[in-house]
């Protein structure tokens, strides 16, 4: 079910896309400003450490070059997540072919509290990170998209190239596994 905020976001994005197609470069800037932060968070949650900004920039470059193919069956942000995920998969494959076996961390906890709050938050984040490390890649991706980005199962399925049912099952299994690890 689409809520009013999502409908409004889709409407704003639709207007900006049409303005950009008509030659208004300010619309492109507005699209980037609306979605860059979420893309950076998503990249970080997928394990990108050093070149988050570059990946986000490459995502927008690819998106703007393919904007005519955007059908608005899903939200613009979902489409951007899909592009970014594919770019990241391509990069990882290229690095593997070149012999660069890079370990990527899945989460980084950032906290702006006092020292005790920071210590507790870091410990909790580390426990969740350890729990997530036990998940399959698909479970981890579904979990992050659902929990961190608030995506619905249809959007998750589109981003990951799966079905809604499979996304639900992976999320359920991921939640169960994380809860079991945290209770141990």
Protein backbone atom coordinates (compact mmCIF):
# COMPACT_ATOMS: atom_id res chain seq x y z
CA UNK A 1 0.00 0.00 0.00
CA UNK A 2 1.38 3.41 -0.96
CA UNK A 3 1.04 6.12 1.65
CA UNK A 4 0.47 9.83 1.00
CA UNK A 5 4.16 10.70 1.44
CA UNK A 6 5.22 8.15 -1.17
CA UNK A 7 2.57 9.44 -3.58
CA UNK A 8 3.77 13.01 -3.03
CA UNK A 9 7.41 11.96 -3.52
CA UNK A 10 6.50 10.16 -6.76
CA UNK A 11 4.61 13.21 -7.95
CA UNK A 12 7.52 15.57 -7.18
CA UNK A 13 9.98 13.19 -8.84
CA UNK A 14 7.73 12.90 -11.88
CA UNK A 15 7.61 16.68 -12.28
CA UNK A 16 11.39 16.97 -11.83
CA UNK A 17 12.03 14.25 -14.41
CA UNK A 18 9.81 15.99 -16.95
CA UNK A 19 11.54 19.33 -16.26
CA UNK A 20 14.95 17.69 -16.69
CA UNK A 21 13.87 16.07 -19.96
CA UNK A 22 12.75 19.51 -21.11
CA UNK A 23 16.28 20.82 -20.52
CA UNK A 24 16.06 22.30 -17.02
CA UNK A 25 19.38 21.43 -15.34
CA UNK A 26 18.09 22.70 -12.01
CA UNK A 27 15.69 19.76 -12.00
CA UNK A 28 18.66 17.37 -12.20
CA UNK A 29 20.22 19.13 -9.22
CA UNK A 30 16.96 18.80 -7.30
CA UNK A 31 16.76 15.07 -8.08
CA UNK A 32 20.31 14.58 -6.84
CA UNK A 33 19.61 16.58 -3.67
CA UNK A 34 16.45 14.54 -2.99
CA UNK A 35 18.09 11.12 -3.33
CA UNK A 36 21.88 11.36 -2.83
CA UNK A 37 21.81 10.95 0.94
CA UNK A 38 19.62 7.82 0.79
CA UNK A 39 21.89 6.36 -1.90
CA UNK A 40 24.96 7.05 0.24
CA UNK A 41 23.33 5.33 3.24
CA UNK A 42 22.35 2.37 1.08
CA UNK A 43 25.90 2.09 -0.31
CA UNK A 44 27.39 2.20 3.17
CA UNK A 45 24.98 -0.46 4.35
CA UNK A 46 26.00 -2.64 1.40
CA UNK A 47 29.60 -2.41 2.60
CA UNK A 48 31.05 0.39 0.50
CA UNK A 49 33.64 2.17 2.61
CA UNK A 50 35.98 4.39 0.65
CA UNK A 51 34.23 5.42 -2.55
CA UNK A 52 30.62 6.02 -1.49
CA UNK A 53 30.50 9.44 -3.16
CA UNK A 54 31.93 8.03 -6.37
CA UNK A 55 29.37 5.21 -6.39
CA UNK A 56 26.52 7.66 -5.77
CA UNK A 57 27.80 9.91 -8.56
CA UNK A 58 28.12 6.95 -10.95
CA UNK A 59 24.57 5.93 -10.05
CA UNK A 60 23.24 9.34 -11.05
CA UNK A 61 25.32 9.40 -14.23
CA UNK A 62 23.88 6.04 -15.26
CA UNK A 63 20.37 7.04 -14.21
CA UNK A 64 20.37 10.29 -16.15
CA UNK A 65 21.75 8.58 -19.23
CA UNK A 66 18.93 6.01 -19.01
CA UNK A 67 16.14 8.30 -17.78
CA UNK A 68 14.10 7.63 -20.92
CA UNK A 69 13.81 3.99 -19.80
CA UNK A 70 12.36 4.91 -16.39
CA UNK A 71 8.72 3.80 -16.55
CA UNK A 72 7.62 4.96 -13.09
CA UNK A 73 6.32 1.45 -12.30
CA UNK A 74 8.29 1.90 -9.11
CA UNK A 75 9.51 4.97 -7.30
CA UNK A 76 12.51 6.84 -8.64
CA UNK A 77 14.42 6.02 -5.46
CA UNK A 78 13.76 2.29 -5.92
CA UNK A 79 15.03 2.54 -9.50
CA UNK A 80 18.13 4.40 -8.28
CA UNK A 81 18.77 1.74 -5.60
CA UNK A 82 18.53 -0.91 -8.31
CA UNK A 83 21.05 0.90 -10.50
CA UNK A 84 23.40 1.42 -7.58
CA UNK A 85 23.21 -2.21 -6.50
CA UNK A 86 23.99 -3.37 -10.05
CA UNK A 87 26.94 -0.98 -10.27
CA UNK A 88 28.27 -2.32 -6.99
CA UNK A 89 27.90 -5.92 -8.16
CA UNK A 90 29.75 -5.02 -11.38
CA UNK A 91 32.54 -3.37 -9.38
CA UNK A 92 32.90 -6.35 -7.09
CA UNK A 93 33.07 -8.72 -10.05
CA UNK A 94 35.68 -6.53 -11.75
CA UNK A 95 37.76 -6.39 -8.57
CA UNK A 96 37.52 -10.17 -8.21
CA UNK A 97 38.72 -10.63 -11.82
CA UNK A 98 41.68 -8.34 -11.13
CA UNK A 99 42.52 -10.29 -8.00
CA UNK A 100 41.44 -7.58 -5.59
CA UNK A 101 39.69 -9.57 -2.91
CA UNK A 102 38.47 -6.69 -0.77
CA UNK A 103 36.74 -7.29 2.54
CA UNK A 104 33.86 -4.90 2.95
CA UNK A 105 32.23 -4.10 6.25
CA UNK A 106 28.46 -4.27 6.35
CA UNK A 107 27.72 -1.51 8.85
CA UNK A 108 29.24 1.54 10.44
CA UNK A 109 27.67 2.92 13.58
CA UNK A 110 27.75 6.67 13.86
CA UNK A 111 26.50 8.23 17.05
CA UNK A 112 26.34 11.75 18.37
CA UNK A 113 25.68 11.05 22.05
CA UNK A 114 27.83 11.32 25.14
CA UNK A 115 30.65 8.84 25.78
CA UNK A 116 28.52 6.24 27.60
CA UNK A 117 25.76 6.40 24.98
CA UNK A 118 28.36 6.06 22.27
CA UNK A 119 29.89 3.02 23.94
CA UNK A 120 26.49 1.33 24.36
CA UNK A 121 25.45 2.21 20.81
CA UNK A 122 28.74 0.87 19.43
CA UNK A 123 28.35 -2.36 21.38
CA UNK A 124 24.78 -2.81 20.13
CA UNK A 125 25.78 -1.96 16.58
CA UNK A 126 28.62 -4.47 16.76
CA UNK A 127 26.24 -7.18 17.95
CA UNK A 128 23.87 -6.44 15.07
CA UNK A 129 26.83 -6.37 12.65
CA UNK A 130 27.97 -9.76 13.95
CA UNK A 131 24.44 -11.11 13.59
CA UNK A 132 24.18 -9.76 10.06
CA UNK A 133 27.51 -11.32 9.11
CA UNK A 134 25.84 -14.71 9.59
CA UNK A 135 23.10 -13.90 7.09
CA UNK A 136 23.25 -14.83 3.43
CA UNK A 137 23.91 -11.92 1.06
CA UNK A 138 20.26 -11.93 -0.06
CA UNK A 139 18.97 -11.96 3.52
CA UNK A 140 21.33 -9.11 4.42
CA UNK A 141 20.28 -7.02 1.40
CA UNK A 142 16.58 -7.57 2.11
CA UNK A 143 17.07 -6.82 5.80
CA UNK A 144 18.91 -3.56 5.08
CA UNK A 145 16.41 -2.38 2.49
CA UNK A 146 13.48 -3.14 4.79
CA UNK A 147 14.90 -1.94 8.11
CA UNK A 148 17.31 0.82 7.10
CA UNK A 149 15.57 2.24 4.05
CA UNK A 150 11.95 1.41 4.91
CA UNK A 151 11.29 -0.15 1.50
CA UNK A 152 8.20 -2.27 0.96
CA UNK A 153 8.47 -5.84 -0.32
CA UNK A 154 7.52 -4.92 -3.88
CA UNK A 155 10.33 -2.35 -4.05
CA UNK A 156 12.79 -4.76 -2.43
CA UNK A 157 11.90 -7.41 -5.01
CA UNK A 158 12.45 -4.92 -7.84
CA UNK A 159 15.80 -3.75 -6.46
CA UNK A 160 17.09 -7.28 -5.87
CA UNK A 161 15.59 -8.87 -8.97
CA UNK A 162 13.43 -11.22 -6.92
CA UNK A 163 9.77 -11.72 -6.11
CA UNK A 164 7.75 -10.17 -3.30
CA UNK A 165 7.21 -13.59 -1.76
CA UNK A 166 10.92 -14.36 -1.79
CA UNK A 167 11.68 -10.95 -0.28
CA UNK A 168 9.20 -11.65 2.54
CA UNK A 169 10.74 -15.07 3.22
CA UNK A 170 14.30 -13.69 3.22
CA UNK A 171 13.28 -10.87 5.56
CA UNK A 172 11.48 -13.25 7.92
CA UNK A 173 14.48 -15.59 8.00
CA UNK A 174 16.89 -12.68 8.50
CA UNK A 175 14.85 -11.27 11.39
CA UNK A 176 14.64 -14.69 13.03
CA UNK A 177 18.40 -15.24 12.67
CA UNK A 178 19.30 -11.78 13.99
CA UNK A 179 16.94 -12.15 16.97
CA UNK A 180 18.35 -15.59 17.79
CA UNK A 181 21.92 -14.28 17.68
CA UNK A 182 21.09 -11.25 19.82
CA UNK A 183 19.41 -13.41 22.45
CA UNK A 184 22.38 -15.77 22.75
